[in-house]
Amino acid sequence: MTQPPIDTILNAARRCYLARGIAATGMREVADSAGMARSTLYRYFLNRDDLLIATIKVEMEALNGFIRSKLARYPDPADQLVEGLIIAVSEIPRRPLLQAVFASAEQSRARQVVWRSDVIVQFGEELMDHVISPAREAGLLQDAVEAEILVEWVYRVLLSFLTLPSNWIRTEAQLRTTLHALLVPVLLR
């Protein structure tokens, strides 16, 4: 049984990104790796940015599922927020393609492409809705915090820890304490 063309393309793109680097991977390389003509590839993806976003989306969906499964044991929205960030900070570097986009200085263009895409917003909203909805229902969400701003701010905190490690926060326990002290009061009552 053969793979659907989209799966074949996304798997080929992932292989190329990891082997050659995101910046060095173009549509020609992915088409060759997928065993198809570039014209066929262009029927599915308009350009290399669309292909990158689709490939990262698959990776982010897997990460989202992983984080949600880990957060199931934390009923408190504050703990879910903090633990979700801690899991993401430790898990993204373990996933080579996500690490290349979000935790590597060399891939700043790729990070900008993904950051501007709807996929990052959708991923954040889906993951954060797990925290936001219960917090809003319990009256714990700060009145001034809109869901979109919450998602963006949490992403910015995450990216800062991924791309510029702290000089002072060196352990998971220190990160947990810091996030509870600084992040939770801004977002939750």
N, C-alpha and C. Protein backbone atom coordinates (compact mmCIF):
# COMPACT_ATOMS: atom_id res chain seq x y z
N MET A 1 0.85 -1.19 0.00
CA MET A 1 0.00 0.00 0.00
C MET A 1 0.89 1.24 0.00
N THR A 2 0.60 2.18 -0.86
CA THR A 2 1.41 3.39 -0.95
C THR A 2 0.83 4.49 -0.06
N GLN A 3 1.72 5.39 0.32
CA GLN A 3 1.29 6.53 1.15
C GLN A 3 0.54 7.54 0.31
N PRO A 4 -0.40 8.27 0.92
CA PRO A 4 -1.02 9.39 0.20
C PRO A 4 0.08 10.40 -0.17
N PRO A 5 -0.10 11.12 -1.29
CA PRO A 5 0.93 12.07 -1.73
C PRO A 5 1.33 13.08 -0.66
N ILE A 6 0.37 13.59 0.11
CA ILE A 6 0.72 14.58 1.14
C ILE A 6 1.67 13.98 2.16
N ASP A 7 1.38 12.77 2.63
CA ASP A 7 2.26 12.11 3.61
C ASP A 7 3.65 11.88 3.02
N THR A 8 3.69 11.45 1.78
CA THR A 8 4.97 11.22 1.10
C THR A 8 5.77 12.52 1.04
N ILE A 9 5.11 13.60 0.68
CA ILE A 9 5.78 14.90 0.57
C ILE A 9 6.26 15.38 1.94
N LEU A 10 5.40 15.31 2.94
CA LEU A 10 5.79 15.80 4.28
C LEU A 10 6.92 14.97 4.87
N ASN A 11 6.89 13.68 4.65
CA ASN A 11 7.99 12.83 5.13
C ASN A 11 9.29 13.16 4.41
N ALA A 12 9.19 13.40 3.11
CA ALA A 12 10.38 13.77 2.34
C ALA A 12 10.91 15.13 2.79
N ALA A 13 10.02 16.07 3.02
CA ALA A 13 10.44 17.39 3.49
C ALA A 13 11.15 17.28 4.83
N ARG A 14 10.57 16.52 5.75
CA ARG A 14 11.19 16.34 7.07
C ARG A 14 12.59 15.75 6.93
N ARG A 15 12.73 14.71 6.10
CA ARG A 15 14.04 14.09 5.88
C ARG A 15 15.04 15.12 5.34
N CYS A 16 14.60 15.90 4.37
CA CYS A 16 15.50 16.91 3.76
C CYS A 16 15.87 17.99 4.77
N TYR A 17 14.90 18.48 5.52
CA TYR A 17 15.19 19.52 6.52
C TYR A 17 16.22 19.04 7.52
N LEU A 18 16.07 17.80 7.96
CA LEU A 18 16.99 17.27 8.96
C LEU A 18 18.36 16.95 8.37
N ALA A 19 18.40 16.49 7.14
CA ALA A 19 19.68 16.12 6.51
C ALA A 19 20.43 17.33 5.97
N ARG A 20 19.72 18.26 5.34
CA ARG A 20 20.36 19.37 4.65
C ARG A 20 20.27 20.69 5.40
N GLY A 21 19.28 20.79 6.29
CA GLY A 21 18.97 22.05 6.94
C GLY A 21 17.78 22.69 6.23
N ILE A 22 17.03 23.46 6.97
CA ILE A 22 15.82 24.07 6.42
C ILE A 22 16.16 25.08 5.33
N ALA A 23 17.16 25.92 5.58
CA ALA A 23 17.51 26.96 4.62
C ALA A 23 18.02 26.38 3.30
N ALA A 24 18.67 25.22 3.36
CA ALA A 24 19.25 24.62 2.16
C ALA A 24 18.27 23.70 1.43
N THR A 25 17.08 23.55 1.95
CA THR A 25 16.10 22.65 1.33
C THR A 25 15.11 23.46 0.52
N GLY A 26 15.05 23.14 -0.75
CA GLY A 26 14.09 23.79 -1.64
C GLY A 26 13.10 22.77 -2.17
N MET A 27 12.23 23.23 -3.01
CA MET A 27 11.21 22.35 -3.59
C MET A 27 11.84 21.25 -4.43
N ARG A 28 12.92 21.54 -5.10
CA ARG A 28 13.60 20.53 -5.94
C ARG A 28 14.09 19.37 -5.07
N GLU A 29 14.71 19.68 -3.94
CA GLU A 29 15.24 18.62 -3.07
C GLU A 29 14.11 17.75 -2.51
N VAL A 30 13.02 18.38 -2.13
CA VAL A 30 11.90 17.63 -1.57
C VAL A 30 11.25 16.77 -2.65
N ALA A 31 11.07 17.33 -3.84
CA ALA A 31 10.48 16.55 -4.94
C ALA A 31 11.36 15.34 -5.25
N ASP A 32 12.66 15.54 -5.33
CA ASP A 32 13.57 14.43 -5.59
C ASP A 32 13.47 13.37 -4.49
N SER A 33 13.46 13.80 -3.25
CA SER A 33 13.37 12.86 -2.13
C SER A 33 12.04 12.12 -2.11
N ALA A 34 10.98 12.79 -2.55
CA ALA A 34 9.65 12.18 -2.58
C ALA A 34 9.45 11.31 -3.83
N GLY A 35 10.39 11.40 -4.77
CA GLY A 35 10.27 10.61 -5.99
C GLY A 35 9.19 11.13 -6.92
N MET A 36 9.08 12.44 -6.99
CA MET A 36 8.06 13.03 -7.86
C MET A 36 8.61 14.26 -8.56
N ALA A 37 7.90 14.70 -9.56
CA ALA A 37 8.29 15.92 -10.28
C ALA A 37 7.95 17.14 -9.43
N ARG A 38 8.71 18.20 -9.62
CA ARG A 38 8.41 19.44 -8.88
C ARG A 38 7.01 19.93 -9.20
N SER A 39 6.58 19.76 -10.42
CA SER A 39 5.23 20.21 -10.78
C SER A 39 4.17 19.51 -9.94
N THR A 40 4.40 18.24 -9.62
CA THR A 40 3.47 17.50 -8.75
C THR A 40 3.50 18.10 -7.35
N LEU A 41 4.68 18.39 -6.87
CA LEU A 41 4.82 18.99 -5.53
C LEU A 41 4.09 20.32 -5.45
N TYR A 42 4.20 21.12 -6.51
CA TYR A 42 3.54 22.43 -6.53
C TYR A 42 2.01 22.33 -6.60
N ARG A 43 1.49 21.18 -6.96
CA ARG A 43 0.04 21.00 -6.91
C ARG A 43 -0.47 20.95 -5.47
N TYR A 44 0.40 20.56 -4.56
CA TYR A 44 0.03 20.43 -3.16
C TYR A 44 0.47 21.61 -2.31
N PHE A 45 1.59 22.24 -2.67
CA PHE A 45 2.14 23.36 -1.89
C PHE A 45 2.58 24.47 -2.83
N LEU A 46 2.11 25.68 -2.57
CA LEU A 46 2.40 26.81 -3.45
C LEU A 46 3.87 27.18 -3.47
N ASN A 47 4.54 27.03 -2.30
CA ASN A 47 5.94 27.43 -2.22
C ASN A 47 6.61 26.74 -1.03
N ARG A 48 7.88 27.00 -0.85
CA ARG A 48 8.63 26.32 0.21
C ARG A 48 8.16 26.72 1.60
N ASP A 49 7.67 27.94 1.76
CA ASP A 49 7.16 28.35 3.07
C ASP A 49 5.90 27.56 3.44
N ASP A 50 4.99 27.37 2.49
CA ASP A 50 3.79 26.56 2.75
C ASP A 50 4.17 25.13 3.11
N LEU A 51 5.17 24.60 2.44
CA LEU A 51 5.64 23.24 2.73
C LEU A 51 6.25 23.17 4.14
N LEU A 52 7.05 24.15 4.49
CA LEU A 52 7.64 24.18 5.83
C LEU A 52 6.55 24.25 6.90
N ILE A 53 5.58 25.11 6.71
CA ILE A 53 4.50 25.26 7.68
C ILE A 53 3.73 23.95 7.84
N ALA A 54 3.42 23.29 6.74
CA ALA A 54 2.69 22.02 6.81
C ALA A 54 3.50 20.95 7.53
N THR A 55 4.80 20.93 7.29
CA THR A 55 5.67 19.95 7.94
C THR A 55 5.78 20.23 9.44
N ILE A 56 5.93 21.48 9.79
CA ILE A 56 6.01 21.86 11.21
C ILE A 56 4.68 21.60 11.91
N LYS A 57 3.59 21.79 11.20
CA LYS A 57 2.27 21.54 11.79
C LYS A 57 2.15 20.10 12.28
N VAL A 58 2.63 19.16 11.48
CA VAL A 58 2.58 17.75 11.87
C VAL A 58 3.39 17.55 13.16
N GLU A 59 4.57 18.15 13.21
CA GLU A 59 5.43 18.03 14.40
C GLU A 59 4.76 18.67 15.62
N MET A 60 4.15 19.82 15.41
CA MET A 60 3.52 20.52 16.52
C MET A 60 2.28 19.80 17.02
N GLU A 61 1.54 19.17 16.12
CA GLU A 61 0.38 18.39 16.55
C GLU A 61 0.80 17.22 17.43
N ALA A 62 1.91 16.59 17.08
CA ALA A 62 2.42 15.49 17.90
C ALA A 62 2.86 16.01 19.27
N LEU A 63 3.53 17.16 19.28
CA LEU A 63 3.94 17.77 20.55
C LEU A 63 2.72 18.17 21.38
N ASN A 64 1.71 18.73 20.74
CA ASN A 64 0.49 19.13 21.42
C ASN A 64 -0.14 17.93 22.13
N GLY A 65 -0.25 16.81 21.43
CA GLY A 65 -0.82 15.60 22.02
C GLY A 65 0.01 15.12 23.20
N PHE A 66 1.31 15.18 23.06
CA PHE A 66 2.21 14.77 24.14
C PHE A 66 2.02 15.66 25.37
N ILE A 67 2.00 16.97 25.15
CA ILE A 67 1.84 17.90 26.28
C ILE A 67 0.49 17.70 26.95
N ARG A 68 -0.56 17.60 26.17
CA ARG A 68 -1.90 17.40 26.75
C ARG A 68 -1.96 16.13 27.59
N SER A 69 -1.33 15.07 27.12
CA SER A 69 -1.35 13.82 27.90
C SER A 69 -0.63 13.99 29.23
N LYS A 70 0.43 14.76 29.23
CA LYS A 70 1.17 15.01 30.47
C LYS A 70 0.42 15.94 31.41
N LEU A 71 -0.34 16.89 30.85
CA LEU A 71 -1.05 17.88 31.67
C LEU A 71 -2.32 17.32 32.29
N ALA A 72 -2.75 16.17 31.85
CA ALA A 72 -4.00 15.59 32.37
C ALA A 72 -3.96 15.39 33.87
N ARG A 73 -2.78 15.25 34.43
CA ARG A 73 -2.69 15.01 35.89
C ARG A 73 -2.67 16.30 36.71
N TYR A 74 -2.75 17.45 36.05
CA TYR A 74 -2.75 18.74 36.76
C TYR A 74 -4.11 19.41 36.59
N PRO A 75 -4.98 19.35 37.59
CA PRO A 75 -6.30 19.96 37.44
C PRO A 75 -6.29 21.49 37.57
N ASP A 76 -5.31 22.05 38.22
CA ASP A 76 -5.25 23.49 38.47
C ASP A 76 -4.72 24.22 37.23
N PRO A 77 -5.44 25.26 36.73
CA PRO A 77 -4.97 26.00 35.54
C PRO A 77 -3.57 26.58 35.70
N ALA A 78 -3.23 27.05 36.88
CA ALA A 78 -1.89 27.61 37.09
C ALA A 78 -0.83 26.53 36.90
N ASP A 79 -1.07 25.36 37.45
CA ASP A 79 -0.12 24.26 37.28
C ASP A 79 -0.06 23.81 35.82
N GLN A 80 -1.20 23.81 35.14
CA GLN A 80 -1.20 23.42 33.73
C GLN A 80 -0.38 24.40 32.90
N LEU A 81 -0.52 25.68 33.17
CA LEU A 81 0.23 26.70 32.46
C LEU A 81 1.73 26.53 32.68
N VAL A 82 2.11 26.41 33.93
CA VAL A 82 3.53 26.29 34.28
C VAL A 82 4.10 24.96 33.77
N GLU A 83 3.43 23.88 34.05
CA GLU A 83 3.94 22.57 33.64
C GLU A 83 3.96 22.44 32.12
N GLY A 84 2.98 23.01 31.45
CA GLY A 84 2.98 22.99 29.99
C GLY A 84 4.21 23.67 29.41
N LEU A 85 4.58 24.81 29.98
CA LEU A 85 5.78 25.51 29.53
C LEU A 85 7.04 24.70 29.83
N ILE A 86 7.08 24.12 31.00
CA ILE A 86 8.25 23.32 31.38
C ILE A 86 8.40 22.12 30.45
N ILE A 87 7.29 21.47 30.16
CA ILE A 87 7.34 20.32 29.23
C ILE A 87 7.81 20.79 27.86
N ALA A 88 7.27 21.89 27.37
CA ALA A 88 7.66 22.40 26.05
C ALA A 88 9.14 22.78 26.02
N VAL A 89 9.62 23.44 27.07
CA VAL A 89 11.03 23.85 27.12
C VAL A 89 11.94 22.62 27.08
N SER A 90 11.54 21.55 27.72
CA SER A 90 12.39 20.36 27.72
C SER A 90 12.17 19.48 26.49
N GLU A 91 10.96 19.48 25.94
CA GLU A 91 10.64 18.56 24.85
C GLU A 91 11.03 19.09 23.47
N ILE A 92 10.91 20.37 23.21
CA ILE A 92 11.24 20.91 21.88
C ILE A 92 12.68 20.60 21.48
N PRO A 93 13.67 20.76 22.35
CA PRO A 93 15.03 20.40 21.94
C PRO A 93 15.23 18.91 21.65
N ARG A 94 14.33 18.07 22.12
CA ARG A 94 14.41 16.62 21.86
C ARG A 94 13.79 16.23 20.52
N ARG A 95 13.10 17.16 19.91
CA ARG A 95 12.45 16.90 18.62
C ARG A 95 13.22 17.69 17.56
N PRO A 96 14.04 17.00 16.77
CA PRO A 96 15.02 17.69 15.92
C PRO A 96 14.46 18.79 15.02
N LEU A 97 13.32 18.57 14.40
CA LEU A 97 12.80 19.59 13.50
C LEU A 97 12.28 20.80 14.29
N LEU A 98 11.58 20.56 15.38
CA LEU A 98 11.11 21.68 16.20
C LEU A 98 12.30 22.41 16.83
N GLN A 99 13.30 21.67 17.21
CA GLN A 99 14.51 22.28 17.77
C GLN A 99 15.16 23.19 16.73
N ALA A 100 15.21 22.72 15.50
CA ALA A 100 15.83 23.53 14.44
C ALA A 100 15.08 24.83 14.21
N VAL A 101 13.76 24.80 14.31
CA VAL A 101 12.96 26.00 14.06
C VAL A 101 12.92 26.91 15.29
N PHE A 102 12.67 26.36 16.46
CA PHE A 102 12.38 27.18 17.63
C PHE A 102 13.54 27.40 18.59
N ALA A 103 14.56 26.57 18.52
CA ALA A 103 15.62 26.69 19.52
C ALA A 103 17.00 26.87 18.90
N SER A 104 17.05 27.20 17.62
CA SER A 104 18.32 27.35 16.94
C SER A 104 18.44 28.76 16.36
N ALA A 105 19.55 29.40 16.61
CA ALA A 105 19.77 30.74 16.09
C ALA A 105 19.91 30.73 14.57
N GLU A 106 20.36 29.61 13.99
CA GLU A 106 20.58 29.53 12.55
C GLU A 106 19.28 29.54 11.75
N GLN A 107 18.18 29.18 12.35
CA GLN A 107 16.94 29.06 11.60
C GLN A 107 15.97 30.21 11.89
N SER A 108 16.48 31.41 12.04
CA SER A 108 15.59 32.52 12.38
C SER A 108 14.57 32.80 11.27
N ARG A 109 14.94 32.61 10.00
CA ARG A 109 13.96 32.82 8.92
C ARG A 109 12.84 31.79 9.04
N ALA A 110 13.20 30.54 9.27
CA ALA A 110 12.18 29.49 9.43
C ALA A 110 11.28 29.81 10.60
N ARG A 111 11.84 30.27 11.70
CA ARG A 111 11.04 30.63 12.87
C ARG A 111 10.08 31.76 12.52
N GLN A 112 10.52 32.75 11.75
CA GLN A 112 9.65 33.85 11.36
C GLN A 112 8.52 33.37 10.46
N VAL A 113 8.83 32.47 9.53
CA VAL A 113 7.80 31.93 8.63
C VAL A 113 6.73 31.21 9.45
N VAL A 114 7.17 30.36 10.36
CA VAL A 114 6.22 29.61 11.18
C VAL A 114 5.48 30.55 12.13
N TRP A 115 6.19 31.51 12.72
CA TRP A 115 5.58 32.45 13.66
C TRP A 115 4.46 33.25 13.00
N ARG A 116 4.63 33.62 11.74
CA ARG A 116 3.61 34.42 11.03
C ARG A 116 2.46 33.57 10.51
N SER A 117 2.58 32.26 10.61
CA SER A 117 1.55 31.39 10.04
C SER A 117 0.38 31.19 10.99
N ASP A 118 -0.73 30.80 10.40
CA ASP A 118 -1.91 30.48 11.21
C ASP A 118 -1.68 29.23 12.05
N VAL A 119 -0.77 28.37 11.64
CA VAL A 119 -0.56 27.11 12.36
C VAL A 119 -0.06 27.36 13.77
N ILE A 120 0.78 28.35 13.96
CA ILE A 120 1.30 28.64 15.30
C ILE A 120 0.18 29.17 16.18
N VAL A 121 -0.68 30.00 15.61
CA VAL A 121 -1.81 30.54 16.37
C VAL A 121 -2.77 29.41 16.72
N GLN A 122 -3.08 28.57 15.74
CA GLN A 122 -4.00 27.46 15.97
C GLN A 122 -3.45 26.51 17.03
N PHE A 123 -2.18 26.17 16.92
CA PHE A 123 -1.56 25.27 17.89
C PHE A 123 -1.63 25.86 19.29
N GLY A 124 -1.26 27.12 19.40
CA GLY A 124 -1.29 27.77 20.71
C GLY A 124 -2.69 27.85 21.28
N GLU A 125 -3.64 28.21 20.43
CA GLU A 125 -5.02 28.31 20.91
C GLU A 125 -5.55 26.96 21.36
N GLU A 126 -5.26 25.90 20.59
CA GLU A 126 -5.72 24.57 20.97
C GLU A 126 -5.11 24.13 22.29
N LEU A 127 -3.82 24.34 22.43
CA LEU A 127 -3.15 23.92 23.65
C LEU A 127 -3.56 24.80 24.83
N MET A 128 -3.59 26.09 24.61
CA MET A 128 -3.90 27.01 25.70
C MET A 128 -5.38 26.99 26.07
N ASP A 129 -6.24 26.60 25.13
CA ASP A 129 -7.66 26.50 25.47
C ASP A 129 -7.88 25.50 26.59
N HIS A 130 -7.01 24.52 26.65
CA HIS A 130 -7.06 23.53 27.72
C HIS A 130 -6.87 24.21 29.09
N VAL A 131 -6.14 25.32 29.10
CA VAL A 131 -5.91 26.08 30.33
C VAL A 131 -6.89 27.25 30.43
N ILE A 132 -7.10 27.95 29.33
CA ILE A 132 -7.91 29.17 29.35
C ILE A 132 -9.37 28.90 29.70
N SER A 133 -9.98 27.93 29.04
CA SER A 133 -11.41 27.68 29.29
C SER A 133 -11.71 27.36 30.75
N PRO A 134 -10.99 26.41 31.36
CA PRO A 134 -11.26 26.15 32.78
C PRO A 134 -10.97 27.36 33.67
N ALA A 135 -9.93 28.12 33.34
CA ALA A 135 -9.59 29.29 34.14
C ALA A 135 -10.68 30.36 34.00
N ARG A 136 -11.17 30.56 32.77
CA ARG A 136 -12.23 31.54 32.55
C ARG A 136 -13.51 31.11 33.27
N GLU A 137 -13.88 29.82 33.15
CA GLU A 137 -15.08 29.30 33.81
C GLU A 137 -14.99 29.42 35.33
N ALA A 138 -13.79 29.27 35.88
CA ALA A 138 -13.60 29.37 37.33
C ALA A 138 -13.40 30.82 37.77
N GLY A 139 -13.40 31.77 36.80
CA GLY A 139 -13.20 33.17 37.14
C GLY A 139 -11.76 33.49 37.51
N LEU A 140 -10.83 32.70 37.02
CA LEU A 140 -9.42 32.88 37.38
C LEU A 140 -8.61 33.67 36.36
N LEU A 141 -9.15 33.85 35.15
CA LEU A 141 -8.42 34.55 34.10
C LEU A 141 -8.46 36.06 34.37
N GLN A 142 -7.31 36.70 34.28
CA GLN A 142 -7.27 38.16 34.46
C GLN A 142 -8.19 38.81 33.44
N ASP A 143 -8.93 39.80 33.85
CA ASP A 143 -9.90 40.46 32.96
C ASP A 143 -9.24 41.10 31.74
N ALA A 144 -8.05 41.63 31.91
CA ALA A 144 -7.38 42.35 30.83
C ALA A 144 -6.71 41.41 29.82
N VAL A 145 -6.72 40.12 30.07
CA VAL A 145 -6.00 39.19 29.21
C VAL A 145 -6.95 38.55 28.20
N GLU A 146 -6.75 38.88 26.93
CA GLU A 146 -7.49 38.23 25.86
C GLU A 146 -6.75 36.96 25.50
N ALA A 147 -7.47 35.96 25.04
CA ALA A 147 -6.87 34.66 24.74
C ALA A 147 -5.71 34.78 23.75
N GLU A 148 -5.86 35.62 22.72
CA GLU A 148 -4.81 35.77 21.71
C GLU A 148 -3.53 36.34 22.32
N ILE A 149 -3.71 37.31 23.22
CA ILE A 149 -2.54 37.92 23.87
C ILE A 149 -1.89 36.92 24.81
N LEU A 150 -2.69 36.16 25.50
CA LEU A 150 -2.17 35.12 26.38
C LEU A 150 -1.32 34.13 25.60
N VAL A 151 -1.83 33.66 24.48
CA VAL A 151 -1.10 32.70 23.66
C VAL A 151 0.22 33.31 23.18
N GLU A 152 0.16 34.52 22.67
CA GLU A 152 1.40 35.13 22.17
C GLU A 152 2.40 35.34 23.29
N TRP A 153 1.95 35.78 24.43
CA TRP A 153 2.87 36.06 25.53
C TRP A 153 3.53 34.78 26.03
N VAL A 154 2.75 33.71 26.14
CA VAL A 154 3.31 32.43 26.57
C VAL A 154 4.32 31.93 25.53
N TYR A 155 4.02 32.09 24.24
CA TYR A 155 4.98 31.72 23.20
C TYR A 155 6.27 32.51 23.34
N ARG A 156 6.15 33.79 23.60
CA ARG A 156 7.35 34.61 23.72
C ARG A 156 8.21 34.19 24.92
N VAL A 157 7.56 33.85 26.01
CA VAL A 157 8.30 33.34 27.17
C VAL A 157 8.99 32.03 26.77
N LEU A 158 8.26 31.14 26.11
CA LEU A 158 8.81 29.86 25.69
C LEU A 158 10.02 30.08 24.77
N LEU A 159 9.86 30.91 23.75
CA LEU A 159 10.96 31.15 22.82
C LEU A 159 12.18 31.74 23.51
N SER A 160 11.95 32.59 24.49
CA SER A 160 13.10 33.18 25.18
C SER A 160 13.89 32.11 25.93
N PHE A 161 13.20 31.17 26.57
CA PHE A 161 13.91 30.10 27.27
C PHE A 161 14.57 29.13 26.30
N LEU A 162 13.99 28.95 25.11
CA LEU A 162 14.58 28.04 24.13
C LEU A 162 15.80 28.64 23.44
N THR A 163 15.75 29.93 23.15
CA THR A 163 16.82 30.54 22.34
C THR A 163 17.88 31.26 23.16
N LEU A 164 17.56 31.62 24.39
CA LEU A 164 18.51 32.34 25.22
C LEU A 164 18.40 31.83 26.65
N PRO A 165 19.07 30.72 26.95
CA PRO A 165 18.96 30.14 28.28
C PRO A 165 19.34 31.15 29.37
N SER A 166 18.70 30.99 30.49
CA SER A 166 18.90 31.92 31.62
C SER A 166 20.26 31.74 32.27
N ASN A 167 20.79 32.83 32.75
CA ASN A 167 22.02 32.79 33.53
C ASN A 167 21.75 32.36 34.96
N TRP A 168 20.51 32.49 35.41
CA TRP A 168 20.18 32.25 36.81
C TRP A 168 19.28 31.03 37.02
N ILE A 169 18.40 30.77 36.10
CA ILE A 169 17.47 29.64 36.24
C ILE A 169 18.12 28.43 35.58
N ARG A 170 18.62 27.53 36.40
CA ARG A 170 19.39 26.40 35.86
C ARG A 170 18.71 25.04 36.04
N THR A 171 17.69 24.98 36.88
CA THR A 171 17.04 23.70 37.12
C THR A 171 15.55 23.81 36.82
N GLU A 172 14.93 22.66 36.64
CA GLU A 172 13.48 22.63 36.41
C GLU A 172 12.74 23.21 37.61
N ALA A 173 13.22 22.92 38.79
CA ALA A 173 12.57 23.43 40.01
C ALA A 173 12.65 24.96 40.05
N GLN A 174 13.79 25.52 39.67
CA GLN A 174 13.93 26.98 39.63
C GLN A 174 13.01 27.58 38.57
N LEU A 175 12.91 26.93 37.42
CA LEU A 175 12.02 27.41 36.37
C LEU A 175 10.58 27.36 36.84
N ARG A 176 10.17 26.28 37.47
CA ARG A 176 8.81 26.13 37.99
C ARG A 176 8.49 27.25 38.99
N THR A 177 9.40 27.50 39.92
CA THR A 177 9.20 28.54 40.92
C THR A 177 9.09 29.91 40.26
N THR A 178 9.96 30.17 39.29
CA THR A 178 9.95 31.46 38.59
C THR A 178 8.66 31.66 37.81
N LEU A 179 8.22 30.65 37.10
CA LEU A 179 6.98 30.77 36.32
C LEU A 179 5.77 30.95 37.23
N HIS A 180 5.74 30.25 38.34
CA HIS A 180 4.63 30.44 39.28
C HIS A 180 4.65 31.86 39.85
N ALA A 181 5.83 32.40 40.09
CA ALA A 181 5.94 33.73 40.70
C ALA A 181 5.70 34.86 39.71
N LEU A 182 6.14 34.69 38.46
CA LEU A 182 6.09 35.80 37.51
C LEU A 182 5.03 35.65 36.42
N LEU A 183 4.81 34.46 35.92
CA LEU A 183 3.88 34.27 34.82
C LEU A 183 2.45 34.13 35.31
N VAL A 184 2.24 33.29 36.29
CA VAL A 184 0.88 33.01 36.76
C VAL A 184 0.14 34.28 37.23
N PRO A 185 0.76 35.14 38.05
CA PRO A 185 0.01 36.33 38.51
C PRO A 185 -0.38 37.29 37.39
N VAL A 186 0.36 37.29 36.30
CA VAL A 186 0.03 38.17 35.18
C VAL A 186 -1.19 37.65 34.44
N LEU A 187 -1.34 36.34 34.35
CA LEU A 187 -2.39 35.74 33.54
C LEU A 187 -3.61 35.30 34.34
N LEU A 188 -3.38 34.87 35.57
CA LEU A 188 -4.46 34.32 36.38
C LEU A 188 -4.58 35.09 37.69
N ARG A 189 -5.81 35.07 38.24
CA ARG A 189 -6.04 35.73 39.53
C ARG A 189 -5.60 34.83 40.64
